[in-house]
Amino acid sequence: MDKKALAREYKETPRPMGVYQVRNTVNGKLLVGVSVDLPSILNRHRAELRMGGHRNRELQKDWAEFGPEAFEFEILDTLTPPERPDYDPKDDLRALEELWLDKLSPFDERGYNARPKSHA
């Protein structure tokens, strides 16, 4: 298969979407997030951490202190979209993320996530 055909096949293949975590195996801290393209977001986190430019300063500090071998990048849950061309996964992903944030509570000393603002 030539490069153009491979690129087209890649673009047409639906990407797995859902919830992921970056886990520090030394101190147990977590970063939990969602994406419509899990492989891409996990690669982005790895690249930003390697380059020293991750937007989460606490995670970047721990990466520098403990090294890459102290971190695991994991998919926690995937969302299977319905076969509808007009489907927008945003609300479903938000609900899935909230479930995992409630379950894992990756805030303060337990994680790298910012505590959600309460819905007043």
PDB file of N, CA and C in Angstrom:
ATOM      1  N   MET A   1       0.862  -1.188   0.000  1.00  0.00           N
ATOM      2  CA  MET A   1       0.000   0.000   0.000  1.00  0.00           C
ATOM      3  C   MET A   1       0.899   1.240   0.000  1.00  0.00           C
ATOM      4  N   ASP A   2       0.587   2.221  -0.839  1.00  0.00           N
ATOM      5  CA  ASP A   2       1.432   3.420  -0.893  1.00  0.00           C
ATOM      6  C   ASP A   2       1.119   4.379   0.262  1.00  0.00           C
ATOM      7  N   LYS A   3       1.957   5.398   0.411  1.00  0.00           N
ATOM      8  CA  LYS A   3       1.815   6.320   1.542  1.00  0.00           C
ATOM      9  C   LYS A   3       0.488   7.066   1.534  1.00  0.00           C
ATOM     10  N   LYS A   4       0.046   7.479   0.358  1.00  0.00           N
ATOM     11  CA  LYS A   4      -1.233   8.206   0.287  1.00  0.00           C
ATOM     12  C   LYS A   4      -2.397   7.321   0.730  1.00  0.00           C
ATOM     13  N   ALA A   5      -2.396   6.088   0.302  1.00  0.00           N
ATOM     14  CA  ALA A   5      -3.467   5.153   0.685  1.00  0.00           C
ATOM     15  C   ALA A   5      -3.427   4.900   2.193  1.00  0.00           C
ATOM     16  N   LEU A   6      -2.231   4.751   2.741  1.00  0.00           N
ATOM     17  CA  LEU A   6      -2.101   4.556   4.189  1.00  0.00           C
ATOM     18  C   LEU A   6      -2.607   5.774   4.959  1.00  0.00           C
ATOM     19  N   ALA A   7      -2.252   6.958   4.488  1.00  0.00           N
ATOM     20  CA  ALA A   7      -2.697   8.195   5.142  1.00  0.00           C
ATOM     21  C   ALA A   7      -4.214   8.318   5.074  1.00  0.00           C
ATOM     22  N   ARG A   8      -4.795   8.004   3.922  1.00  0.00           N
ATOM     23  CA  ARG A   8      -6.245   8.080   3.767  1.00  0.00           C
ATOM     24  C   ARG A   8      -6.930   7.078   4.696  1.00  0.00           C
ATOM     25  N   GLU A   9      -6.401   5.866   4.760  1.00  0.00           N
ATOM     26  CA  GLU A   9      -6.979   4.840   5.626  1.00  0.00           C
ATOM     27  C   GLU A   9      -6.921   5.288   7.092  1.00  0.00           C
ATOM     28  N   TYR A  10      -5.794   5.879   7.491  1.00  0.00           N
ATOM     29  CA  TYR A  10      -5.643   6.370   8.869  1.00  0.00           C
ATOM     30  C   TYR A  10      -6.694   7.437   9.178  1.00  0.00           C
ATOM     31  N   LYS A  11      -6.850   8.390   8.261  1.00  0.00           N
ATOM     32  CA  LYS A  11      -7.802   9.489   8.466  1.00  0.00           C
ATOM     33  C   LYS A  11      -9.244   8.993   8.516  1.00  0.00           C
ATOM     34  N   GLU A  12      -9.546   7.938   7.771  1.00  0.00           N
ATOM     35  CA  GLU A  12     -10.918   7.428   7.710  1.00  0.00           C
ATOM     36  C   GLU A  12     -11.238   6.449   8.839  1.00  0.00           C
ATOM     37  N   THR A  13     -10.219   5.979   9.538  1.00  0.00           N
ATOM     38  CA  THR A  13     -10.432   5.053  10.645  1.00  0.00           C
ATOM     39  C   THR A  13     -10.855   5.836  11.874  1.00  0.00           C
ATOM     40  N   PRO A  14     -12.001   5.495  12.459  1.00  0.00           N
ATOM     41  CA  PRO A  14     -12.427   6.233  13.649  1.00  0.00           C
ATOM     42  C   PRO A  14     -11.426   6.026  14.788  1.00  0.00           C
ATOM     43  N   ARG A  15     -11.093   7.110  15.460  1.00  0.00           N
ATOM     44  CA  ARG A  15     -10.139   7.062  16.560  1.00  0.00           C
ATOM     45  C   ARG A  15     -10.879   6.697  17.842  1.00  0.00           C
ATOM     46  N   PRO A  16     -10.246   5.907  18.709  1.00  0.00           N
ATOM     47  CA  PRO A  16     -10.890   5.620  19.987  1.00  0.00           C
ATOM     48  C   PRO A  16     -11.000   6.882  20.832  1.00  0.00           C
ATOM     49  N   MET A  17     -12.186   7.125  21.395  1.00  0.00           N
ATOM     50  CA  MET A  17     -12.396   8.296  22.241  1.00  0.00           C
ATOM     51  C   MET A  17     -12.804   7.829  23.623  1.00  0.00           C
ATOM     52  N   GLY A  18     -12.511   8.674  24.611  1.00  0.00           N
ATOM     53  CA  GLY A  18     -12.887   8.297  25.968  1.00  0.00           C
ATOM     54  C   GLY A  18     -12.039   8.980  27.013  1.00  0.00           C
ATOM     55  N   VAL A  19     -11.835   8.279  28.137  1.00  0.00           N
ATOM     56  CA  VAL A  19     -11.156   8.824  29.313  1.00  0.00           C
ATOM     57  C   VAL A  19      -9.785   8.168  29.451  1.00  0.00           C
ATOM     58  N   TYR A  20      -8.793   8.966  29.808  1.00  0.00           N
ATOM     59  CA  TYR A  20      -7.435   8.464  30.001  1.00  0.00           C
ATOM     60  C   TYR A  20      -6.877   8.984  31.325  1.00  0.00           C
ATOM     61  N   GLN A  21      -5.758   8.377  31.736  1.00  0.00           N
ATOM     62  CA  GLN A  21      -5.047   8.899  32.894  1.00  0.00           C
ATOM     63  C   GLN A  21      -3.549   8.831  32.639  1.00  0.00           C
ATOM     64  N   VAL A  22      -2.850   9.800  33.219  1.00  0.00           N
ATOM     65  CA  VAL A  22      -1.399   9.756  33.313  1.00  0.00           C
ATOM     66  C   VAL A  22      -1.143   9.529  34.796  1.00  0.00           C
ATOM     67  N   ARG A  23      -0.453   8.415  35.118  1.00  0.00           N
ATOM     68  CA  ARG A  23      -0.289   8.026  36.517  1.00  0.00           C
ATOM     69  C   ARG A  23       1.177   8.027  36.905  1.00  0.00           C
ATOM     70  N   ASN A  24       1.463   8.720  37.995  1.00  0.00           N
ATOM     71  CA  ASN A  24       2.792   8.729  38.580  1.00  0.00           C
ATOM     72  C   ASN A  24       2.875   7.500  39.486  1.00  0.00           C
ATOM     73  N   THR A  25       3.731   6.549  39.141  1.00  0.00           N
ATOM     74  CA  THR A  25       3.808   5.296  39.898  1.00  0.00           C
ATOM     75  C   THR A  25       4.597   5.456  41.199  1.00  0.00           C
ATOM     76  N   VAL A  26       5.293   6.585  41.361  1.00  0.00           N
ATOM     77  CA  VAL A  26       6.058   6.813  42.585  1.00  0.00           C
ATOM     78  C   VAL A  26       5.159   7.347  43.700  1.00  0.00           C
ATOM     79  N   ASN A  27       4.387   8.403  43.384  1.00  0.00           N
ATOM     80  CA  ASN A  27       3.556   9.013  44.435  1.00  0.00           C
ATOM     81  C   ASN A  27       2.055   8.765  44.242  1.00  0.00           C
ATOM     82  N   GLY A  28       1.678   8.069  43.166  1.00  0.00           N
ATOM     83  CA  GLY A  28       0.279   7.713  42.949  1.00  0.00           C
ATOM     84  C   GLY A  28      -0.597   8.828  42.403  1.00  0.00           C
ATOM     85  N   LYS A  29      -0.013   9.995  42.120  1.00  0.00           N
ATOM     86  CA  LYS A  29      -0.826  11.109  41.608  1.00  0.00           C
ATOM     87  C   LYS A  29      -1.283  10.826  40.179  1.00  0.00           C
ATOM     88  N   LEU A  30      -2.481  11.335  39.842  1.00  0.00           N
ATOM     89  CA  LEU A  30      -3.095  11.098  38.540  1.00  0.00           C
ATOM     90  C   LEU A  30      -3.461  12.393  37.838  1.00  0.00           C
ATOM     91  N   LEU A  31      -3.411  12.340  36.516  1.00  0.00           N
ATOM     92  CA  LEU A  31      -4.041  13.355  35.678  1.00  0.00           C
ATOM     93  C   LEU A  31      -5.086  12.602  34.869  1.00  0.00           C
ATOM     94  N   VAL A  32      -6.342  12.997  34.991  1.00  0.00           N
ATOM     95  CA  VAL A  32      -7.437  12.346  34.276  1.00  0.00           C
ATOM     96  C   VAL A  32      -7.993  13.332  33.262  1.00  0.00           C
ATOM     97  N   GLY A  33      -8.278  12.839  32.053  1.00  0.00           N
ATOM     98  CA  GLY A  33      -8.838  13.703  31.018  1.00  0.00           C
ATOM     99  C   GLY A  33      -9.625  12.902  30.000  1.00  0.00           C
ATOM    100  N   VAL A  34     -10.218  13.610  29.051  1.00  0.00           N
ATOM    101  CA  VAL A  34     -10.970  12.971  27.968  1.00  0.00           C
ATOM    102  C   VAL A  34     -10.467  13.491  26.630  1.00  0.00           C
ATOM    103  N   SER A  35     -10.710  12.706  25.595  1.00  0.00           N
ATOM    104  CA  SER A  35     -10.330  13.119  24.249  1.00  0.00           C
ATOM    105  C   SER A  35     -11.164  12.362  23.223  1.00  0.00           C
ATOM    106  N   VAL A  36     -11.357  12.988  22.073  1.00  0.00           N
ATOM    107  CA  VAL A  36     -12.007  12.313  20.956  1.00  0.00           C
ATOM    108  C   VAL A  36     -10.980  11.478  20.182  1.00  0.00           C
ATOM    109  N   ASP A  37      -9.695  11.576  20.548  1.00  0.00           N
ATOM    110  CA  ASP A  37      -8.631  10.806  19.909  1.00  0.00           C
ATOM    111  C   ASP A  37      -7.610  10.420  20.980  1.00  0.00           C
ATOM    112  N   LEU A  38      -7.857   9.314  21.654  1.00  0.00           N
ATOM    113  CA  LEU A  38      -7.015   8.905  22.780  1.00  0.00           C
ATOM    114  C   LEU A  38      -5.538   8.689  22.414  1.00  0.00           C
ATOM    115  N   PRO A  39      -5.225   7.986  21.321  1.00  0.00           N
ATOM    116  CA  PRO A  39      -3.796   7.818  21.006  1.00  0.00           C
ATOM    117  C   PRO A  39      -3.081   9.166  20.813  1.00  0.00           C
ATOM    118  N   SER A  40      -3.741  10.110  20.165  1.00  0.00           N
ATOM    119  CA  SER A  40      -3.118  11.411  19.918  1.00  0.00           C
ATOM    120  C   SER A  40      -2.893  12.195  21.201  1.00  0.00           C
ATOM    121  N   ILE A  41      -3.877  12.213  22.100  1.00  0.00           N
ATOM    122  CA  ILE A  41      -3.717  12.997  23.327  1.00  0.00           C
ATOM    123  C   ILE A  41      -2.632  12.394  24.212  1.00  0.00           C
ATOM    124  N   LEU A  42      -2.549  11.074  24.278  1.00  0.00           N
ATOM    125  CA  LEU A  42      -1.500  10.452  25.088  1.00  0.00           C
ATOM    126  C   LEU A  42      -0.118  10.734  24.500  1.00  0.00           C
ATOM    127  N   ASN A  43      -0.014  10.702  23.172  1.00  0.00           N
ATOM    128  CA  ASN A  43       1.256  11.064  22.527  1.00  0.00           C
ATOM    129  C   ASN A  43       1.610  12.521  22.799  1.00  0.00           C
ATOM    130  N   ARG A  44       0.606  13.404  22.781  1.00  0.00           N
ATOM    131  CA  ARG A  44       0.854  14.815  23.035  1.00  0.00           C
ATOM    132  C   ARG A  44       1.370  15.031  24.454  1.00  0.00           C
ATOM    133  N   HIS A  45       0.738  14.361  25.434  1.00  0.00           N
ATOM    134  CA  HIS A  45       1.218  14.480  26.814  1.00  0.00           C
ATOM    135  C   HIS A  45       2.677  14.025  26.914  1.00  0.00           C
ATOM    136  N   ARG A  46       2.994  12.889  26.310  1.00  0.00           N
ATOM    137  CA  ARG A  46       4.375  12.384  26.350  1.00  0.00           C
ATOM    138  C   ARG A  46       5.341  13.382  25.728  1.00  0.00           C
ATOM    139  N   ALA A  47       4.991  13.895  24.566  1.00  0.00           N
ATOM    140  CA  ALA A  47       5.872  14.837  23.862  1.00  0.00           C
ATOM    141  C   ALA A  47       6.072  16.119  24.663  1.00  0.00           C
ATOM    142  N   GLU A  48       4.985  16.683  25.196  1.00  0.00           N
ATOM    143  CA  GLU A  48       5.101  17.926  25.975  1.00  0.00           C
ATOM    144  C   GLU A  48       5.955  17.700  27.223  1.00  0.00           C
ATOM    145  N   LEU A  49       5.799  16.556  27.872  1.00  0.00           N
ATOM    146  CA  LEU A  49       6.602  16.255  29.060  1.00  0.00           C
ATOM    147  C   LEU A  49       8.077  16.079  28.690  1.00  0.00           C
ATOM    148  N   ARG A  50       8.350  15.355  27.604  1.00  0.00           N
ATOM    149  CA  ARG A  50       9.741  15.164  27.162  1.00  0.00           C
ATOM    150  C   ARG A  50      10.409  16.489  26.820  1.00  0.00           C
ATOM    151  N   MET A  51       9.640  17.402  26.216  1.00  0.00           N
ATOM    152  CA  MET A  51      10.197  18.689  25.793  1.00  0.00           C
ATOM    153  C   MET A  51      10.246  19.708  26.936  1.00  0.00           C
ATOM    154  N   GLY A  52       9.654  19.363  28.060  1.00  0.00           N
ATOM    155  CA  GLY A  52       9.673  20.271  29.209  1.00  0.00           C
ATOM    156  C   GLY A  52       8.647  21.384  29.128  1.00  0.00           C
ATOM    157  N   GLY A  53       7.630  21.211  28.277  1.00  0.00           N
ATOM    158  CA  GLY A  53       6.655  22.279  28.081  1.00  0.00           C
ATOM    159  C   GLY A  53       5.216  21.897  28.379  1.00  0.00           C
ATOM    160  N   HIS A  54       5.005  20.950  29.285  1.00  0.00           N
ATOM    161  CA  HIS A  54       3.637  20.538  29.589  1.00  0.00           C
ATOM    162  C   HIS A  54       2.904  21.659  30.316  1.00  0.00           C
ATOM    163  N   ARG A  55       1.628  21.863  29.975  1.00  0.00           N
ATOM    164  CA  ARG A  55       0.855  22.975  30.566  1.00  0.00           C
ATOM    165  C   ARG A  55       0.558  22.758  32.047  1.00  0.00           C
ATOM    166  N   ASN A  56       0.642  21.504  32.517  1.00  0.00           N
ATOM    167  CA  ASN A  56       0.417  21.226  33.932  1.00  0.00           C
ATOM    168  C   ASN A  56       1.784  21.266  34.633  1.00  0.00           C
ATOM    169  N   ARG A  57       2.052  22.375  35.307  1.00  0.00           N
ATOM    170  CA  ARG A  57       3.381  22.595  35.900  1.00  0.00           C
ATOM    171  C   ARG A  57       3.746  21.551  36.954  1.00  0.00           C
ATOM    172  N   GLU A  58       2.772  21.133  37.764  1.00  0.00           N
ATOM    173  CA  GLU A  58       3.035  20.142  38.809  1.00  0.00           C
ATOM    174  C   GLU A  58       3.428  18.797  38.194  1.00  0.00           C
ATOM    175  N   LEU A  59       2.723  18.393  37.148  1.00  0.00           N
ATOM    176  CA  LEU A  59       3.050  17.153  36.443  1.00  0.00           C
ATOM    177  C   LEU A  59       4.443  17.266  35.823  1.00  0.00           C
ATOM    178  N   GLN A  60       4.733  18.388  35.194  1.00  0.00           N
ATOM    179  CA  GLN A  60       6.047  18.594  34.573  1.00  0.00           C
ATOM    180  C   GLN A  60       7.159  18.529  35.623  1.00  0.00           C
ATOM    181  N   LYS A  61       6.924  19.119  36.791  1.00  0.00           N
ATOM    182  CA  LYS A  61       7.911  19.113  37.875  1.00  0.00           C
ATOM    183  C   LYS A  61       8.185  17.670  38.329  1.00  0.00           C
ATOM    184  N   ASP A  62       7.130  16.877  38.496  1.00  0.00           N
ATOM    185  CA  ASP A  62       7.304  15.491  38.909  1.00  0.00           C
ATOM    186  C   ASP A  62       7.997  14.665  37.825  1.00  0.00           C
ATOM    187  N   TRP A  63       7.687  14.940  36.562  1.00  0.00           N
ATOM    188  CA  TRP A  63       8.347  14.249  35.441  1.00  0.00           C
ATOM    189  C   TRP A  63       9.852  14.512  35.501  1.00  0.00           C
ATOM    190  N   ALA A  64      10.226  15.760  35.738  1.00  0.00           N
ATOM    191  CA  ALA A  64      11.644  16.115  35.817  1.00  0.00           C
ATOM    192  C   ALA A  64      12.304  15.449  37.027  1.00  0.00           C
ATOM    193  N   GLU A  65      11.572  15.374  38.130  1.00  0.00           N
ATOM    194  CA  GLU A  65      12.122  14.800  39.360  1.00  0.00           C
ATOM    195  C   GLU A  65      12.239  13.272  39.304  1.00  0.00           C
ATOM    196  N   PHE A  66      11.184  12.595  38.837  1.00  0.00           N
ATOM    197  CA  PHE A  66      11.142  11.139  38.895  1.00  0.00           C
ATOM    198  C   PHE A  66      11.529  10.441  37.593  1.00  0.00           C
ATOM    199  N   GLY A  67      11.469  11.169  36.461  1.00  0.00           N
ATOM    200  CA  GLY A  67      11.825  10.590  35.171  1.00  0.00           C
ATOM    201  C   GLY A  67      10.662   9.888  34.488  1.00  0.00           C
ATOM    202  N   PRO A  68      10.790   9.691  33.177  1.00  0.00           N
ATOM    203  CA  PRO A  68       9.698   9.107  32.383  1.00  0.00           C
ATOM    204  C   PRO A  68       9.298   7.701  32.824  1.00  0.00           C
ATOM    205  N   GLU A  69      10.240   6.933  33.357  1.00  0.00           N
ATOM    206  CA  GLU A  69       9.916   5.553  33.746  1.00  0.00           C
ATOM    207  C   GLU A  69       8.956   5.492  34.928  1.00  0.00           C
ATOM    208  N   ALA A  70       8.739   6.628  35.604  1.00  0.00           N
ATOM    209  CA  ALA A  70       7.826   6.668  36.751  1.00  0.00           C
ATOM    210  C   ALA A  70       6.378   6.957  36.340  1.00  0.00           C
ATOM    211  N   PHE A  71       6.109   7.037  35.038  1.00  0.00           N
ATOM    212  CA  PHE A  71       4.768   7.414  34.584  1.00  0.00           C
ATOM    213  C   PHE A  71       4.177   6.368  33.650  1.00  0.00           C
ATOM    214  N   GLU A  72       2.864   6.133  33.837  1.00  0.00           N
ATOM    215  CA  GLU A  72       2.112   5.241  32.957  1.00  0.00           C
ATOM    216  C   GLU A  72       0.977   6.024  32.315  1.00  0.00           C
ATOM    217  N   PHE A  73       0.760   5.778  31.036  1.00  0.00           N
ATOM    218  CA  PHE A  73      -0.287   6.435  30.258  1.00  0.00           C
ATOM    219  C   PHE A  73      -1.314   5.362  29.926  1.00  0.00           C
ATOM    220  N   GLU A  74      -2.529   5.530  30.448  1.00  0.00           N
ATOM    221  CA  GLU A  74      -3.517   4.458  30.345  1.00  0.00           C
ATOM    222  C   GLU A  74      -4.869   4.973  29.859  1.00  0.00           C
ATOM    223  N   ILE A  75      -5.552   4.131  29.095  1.00  0.00           N
ATOM    224  CA  ILE A  75      -6.933   4.403  28.701  1.00  0.00           C
ATOM    225  C   ILE A  75      -7.817   3.761  29.760  1.00  0.00           C
ATOM    226  N   LEU A  76      -8.684   4.552  30.372  1.00  0.00           N
ATOM    227  CA  LEU A  76      -9.566   4.063  31.430  1.00  0.00           C
ATOM    228  C   LEU A  76     -10.902   3.571  30.897  1.00  0.00           C
ATOM    229  N   ASP A  77     -11.418   4.258  29.884  1.00  0.00           N
ATOM    230  CA  ASP A  77     -12.767   3.956  29.407  1.00  0.00           C
ATOM    231  C   ASP A  77     -12.899   4.487  27.987  1.00  0.00           C
ATOM    232  N   THR A  78     -13.581   3.746  27.140  1.00  0.00           N
ATOM    233  CA  THR A  78     -13.802   4.234  25.782  1.00  0.00           C
ATOM    234  C   THR A  78     -15.295   4.434  25.530  1.00  0.00           C
ATOM    235  N   LEU A  79     -15.564   5.350  24.642  1.00  0.00           N
ATOM    236  CA  LEU A  79     -16.932   5.682  24.267  1.00  0.00           C
ATOM    237  C   LEU A  79     -17.150   5.176  22.847  1.00  0.00           C
ATOM    238  N   THR A  80     -18.158   4.344  22.672  1.00  0.00           N
ATOM    239  CA  THR A  80     -18.493   3.853  21.342  1.00  0.00           C
ATOM    240  C   THR A  80     -19.594   4.742  20.777  1.00  0.00           C
ATOM    241  N   PRO A  81     -19.263   5.521  19.751  1.00  0.00           N
ATOM    242  CA  PRO A  81     -20.274   6.433  19.210  1.00  0.00           C
ATOM    243  C   PRO A  81     -21.345   5.682  18.429  1.00  0.00           C
ATOM    244  N   PRO A  82     -22.569   6.190  18.481  1.00  0.00           N
ATOM    245  CA  PRO A  82     -23.628   5.582  17.662  1.00  0.00           C
ATOM    246  C   PRO A  82     -23.343   5.847  16.182  1.00  0.00           C
ATOM    247  N   GLU A  83     -23.914   5.029  15.343  1.00  0.00           N
ATOM    248  CA  GLU A  83     -23.709   5.162  13.895  1.00  0.00           C
ATOM    249  C   GLU A  83     -24.585   6.288  13.335  1.00  0.00           C
ATOM    250  N   ARG A  84     -24.314   7.504  13.777  1.00  0.00           N
ATOM    251  CA  ARG A  84     -25.055   8.670  13.289  1.00  0.00           C
ATOM    252  C   ARG A  84     -24.049   9.730  12.867  1.00  0.00           C
ATOM    253  N   PRO A  85     -24.159  10.232  11.650  1.00  0.00           N
ATOM    254  CA  PRO A  85     -23.185  11.231  11.192  1.00  0.00           C
ATOM    255  C   PRO A  85     -23.260  12.552  11.966  1.00  0.00           C
ATOM    256  N   ASP A  86     -24.410  12.837  12.588  1.00  0.00           N
ATOM    257  CA  ASP A  86     -24.568  14.105  13.305  1.00  0.00           C
ATOM    258  C   ASP A  86     -24.209  13.980  14.790  1.00  0.00           C
ATOM    259  N   TYR A  87     -23.664  12.844  15.204  1.00  0.00           N
ATOM    260  CA  TYR A  87     -23.366  12.611  16.620  1.00  0.00           C
ATOM    261  C   TYR A  87     -22.245  13.523  17.106  1.00  0.00           C
ATOM    262  N   ASP A  88     -22.485  14.206  18.227  1.00  0.00           N
ATOM    263  CA  ASP A  88     -21.479  15.037  18.872  1.00  0.00           C
ATOM    264  C   ASP A  88     -21.170  14.405  20.229  1.00  0.00           C
ATOM    265  N   PRO A  89     -19.949  13.906  20.418  1.00  0.00           N
ATOM    266  CA  PRO A  89     -19.629  13.171  21.641  1.00  0.00           C
ATOM    267  C   PRO A  89     -19.371  14.050  22.863  1.00  0.00           C
ATOM    268  N   LYS A  90     -19.408  15.362  22.711  1.00  0.00           N
ATOM    269  CA  LYS A  90     -19.008  16.276  23.780  1.00  0.00           C
ATOM    270  C   LYS A  90     -19.719  16.006  25.113  1.00  0.00           C
ATOM    271  N   ASP A  91     -21.047  15.936  25.105  1.00  0.00           N
ATOM    272  CA  ASP A  91     -21.793  15.729  26.353  1.00  0.00           C
ATOM    273  C   ASP A  91     -21.528  14.349  26.953  1.00  0.00           C
ATOM    274  N   ASP A  92     -21.453  13.322  26.104  1.00  0.00           N
ATOM    275  CA  ASP A  92     -21.184  11.970  26.591  1.00  0.00           C
ATOM    276  C   ASP A  92     -19.780  11.888  27.196  1.00  0.00           C
ATOM    277  N   LEU A  93     -18.811  12.530  26.558  1.00  0.00           N
ATOM    278  CA  LEU A  93     -17.447  12.533  27.089  1.00  0.00           C
ATOM    279  C   LEU A  93     -17.384  13.278  28.422  1.00  0.00           C
ATOM    280  N   ARG A  94     -18.092  14.391  28.516  1.00  0.00           N
ATOM    281  CA  ARG A  94     -18.110  15.158  29.767  1.00  0.00           C
ATOM    282  C   ARG A  94     -18.688  14.318  30.904  1.00  0.00           C
ATOM    283  N   ALA A  95     -19.772  13.594  30.628  1.00  0.00           N
ATOM    284  CA  ALA A  95     -20.405  12.744  31.649  1.00  0.00           C
ATOM    285  C   ALA A  95     -19.466  11.615  32.067  1.00  0.00           C
ATOM    286  N   LEU A  96     -18.799  11.007  31.101  1.00  0.00           N
ATOM    287  CA  LEU A  96     -17.848   9.936  31.396  1.00  0.00           C
ATOM    288  C   LEU A  96     -16.678  10.463  32.229  1.00  0.00           C
ATOM    289  N   GLU A  97     -16.200  11.644  31.870  1.00  0.00           N
ATOM    290  CA  GLU A  97     -15.102  12.257  32.632  1.00  0.00           C
ATOM    291  C   GLU A  97     -15.530  12.527  34.074  1.00  0.00           C
ATOM    292  N   GLU A  98     -16.729  13.056  34.257  1.00  0.00           N
ATOM    293  CA  GLU A  98     -17.219  13.340  35.613  1.00  0.00           C
ATOM    294  C   GLU A  98     -17.292  12.067  36.450  1.00  0.00           C
ATOM    295  N   LEU A  99     -17.733  10.960  35.842  1.00  0.00           N
ATOM    296  CA  LEU A  99     -17.784   9.682  36.558  1.00  0.00           C
ATOM    297  C   LEU A  99     -16.394   9.278  37.054  1.00  0.00           C
ATOM    298  N   TRP A 100     -15.399   9.395  36.185  1.00  0.00           N
ATOM    299  CA  TRP A 100     -14.040   8.995  36.554  1.00  0.00           C
ATOM    300  C   TRP A 100     -13.421   9.972  37.546  1.00  0.00           C
ATOM    301  N   LEU A 101     -13.715  11.257  37.401  1.00  0.00           N
ATOM    302  CA  LEU A 101     -13.196  12.235  38.369  1.00  0.00           C
ATOM    303  C   LEU A 101     -13.783  11.967  39.750  1.00  0.00           C
ATOM    304  N   ASP A 102     -15.079  11.643  39.798  1.00  0.00           N
ATOM    305  CA  ASP A 102     -15.713  11.304  41.080  1.00  0.00           C
ATOM    306  C   ASP A 102     -15.098  10.038  41.666  1.00  0.00           C
ATOM    307  N   LYS A 103     -14.853   9.057  40.822  1.00  0.00           N
ATOM    308  CA  LYS A 103     -14.330   7.764  41.278  1.00  0.00           C
ATOM    309  C   LYS A 103     -12.886   7.875  41.779  1.00  0.00           C
ATOM    310  N   LEU A 104     -12.026   8.601  41.030  1.00  0.00           N
ATOM    311  CA  LEU A 104     -10.594   8.632  41.337  1.00  0.00           C
ATOM    312  C   LEU A 104     -10.166   9.846  42.166  1.00  0.00           C
ATOM    313  N   SER A 105     -10.953  10.917  42.096  1.00  0.00           N
ATOM    314  CA  SER A 105     -10.673  12.146  42.842  1.00  0.00           C
ATOM    315  C   SER A 105      -9.205  12.595  42.726  1.00  0.00           C
ATOM    316  N   PRO A 106      -8.748  12.876  41.487  1.00  0.00           N
ATOM    317  CA  PRO A 106      -7.341  13.222  41.280  1.00  0.00           C
ATOM    318  C   PRO A 106      -7.039  14.708  41.550  1.00  0.00           C
ATOM    319  N   PHE A 107      -7.378  15.160  42.733  1.00  0.00           N
ATOM    320  CA  PHE A 107      -7.240  16.573  43.079  1.00  0.00           C
ATOM    321  C   PHE A 107      -6.285  16.732  44.255  1.00  0.00           C
ATOM    322  N   ASP A 108      -5.772  17.940  44.406  1.00  0.00           N
ATOM    323  CA  ASP A 108      -4.916  18.296  45.529  1.00  0.00           C
ATOM    324  C   ASP A 108      -3.740  17.322  45.617  1.00  0.00           C
ATOM    325  N   GLU A 109      -3.537  16.687  46.795  1.00  0.00           N
ATOM    326  CA  GLU A 109      -2.377  15.807  46.961  1.00  0.00           C
ATOM    327  C   GLU A 109      -2.539  14.473  46.224  1.00  0.00           C
ATOM    328  N   ARG A 110      -3.740  14.178  45.723  1.00  0.00           N
ATOM    329  CA  ARG A 110      -3.995  12.910  45.025  1.00  0.00           C
ATOM    330  C   ARG A 110      -3.800  12.995  43.518  1.00  0.00           C
ATOM    331  N   GLY A 111      -3.657  14.213  43.004  1.00  0.00           N
ATOM    332  CA  GLY A 111      -3.549  14.279  41.556  1.00  0.00           C
ATOM    333  C   GLY A 111      -3.170  15.633  41.009  1.00  0.00           C
ATOM    334  N   TYR A 112      -3.190  15.692  39.689  1.00  0.00           N
ATOM    335  CA  TYR A 112      -2.776  16.881  38.946  1.00  0.00           C
ATOM    336  C   TYR A 112      -3.958  17.666  38.391  1.00  0.00           C
ATOM    337  N   ASN A 113      -5.178  17.152  38.541  1.00  0.00           N
ATOM    338  CA  ASN A 113      -6.347  17.856  38.027  1.00  0.00           C
ATOM    339  C   ASN A 113      -6.703  19.021  38.939  1.00  0.00           C
ATOM    340  N   ALA A 114      -7.200  20.073  38.319  1.00  0.00           N
ATOM    341  CA  ALA A 114      -7.751  21.189  39.101  1.00  0.00           C
ATOM    342  C   ALA A 114      -9.113  20.745  39.614  1.00  0.00           C
ATOM    343  N   ARG A 115      -9.407  21.110  40.835  1.00  0.00           N
ATOM    344  CA  ARG A 115     -10.701  20.761  41.410  1.00  0.00           C
ATOM    345  C   ARG A 115     -11.785  21.502  40.620  1.00  0.00           C
ATOM    346  N   PRO A 116     -12.837  20.781  40.172  1.00  0.00           N
ATOM    347  CA  PRO A 116     -13.891  21.453  39.398  1.00  0.00           C
ATOM    348  C   PRO A 116     -14.596  22.517  40.237  1.00  0.00           C
ATOM    349  N   LYS A 117     -14.967  23.584  39.562  1.00  0.00           N
ATOM    350  CA  LYS A 117     -15.729  24.629  40.240  1.00  0.00           C
ATOM    351  C   LYS A 117     -17.120  24.084  40.507  1.00  0.00           C
ATOM    352  N   SER A 118     -17.604  24.282  41.710  1.00  0.00           N
ATOM    353  CA  SER A 118     -18.934  23.739  42.055  1.00  0.00           C
ATOM    354  C   SER A 118     -20.005  24.476  41.256  1.00  0.00           C
ATOM    355  N   HIS A 119     -21.000  23.737  40.899  1.00  0.00           N
ATOM    356  CA  HIS A 119     -22.128  24.315  40.144  1.00  0.00           C
ATOM    357  C   HIS A 119     -23.077  24.964  41.133  1.00  0.00           C
ATOM    358  N   ALA A 120     -22.975  26.284  41.229  1.00  0.00           N
ATOM    359  CA  ALA A 120     -23.797  27.004  42.211  1.00  0.00           C
ATOM    360  C   ALA A 120     -25.146  27.346  41.650  1.00  0.00           C
TER     361      ALA A 120
END
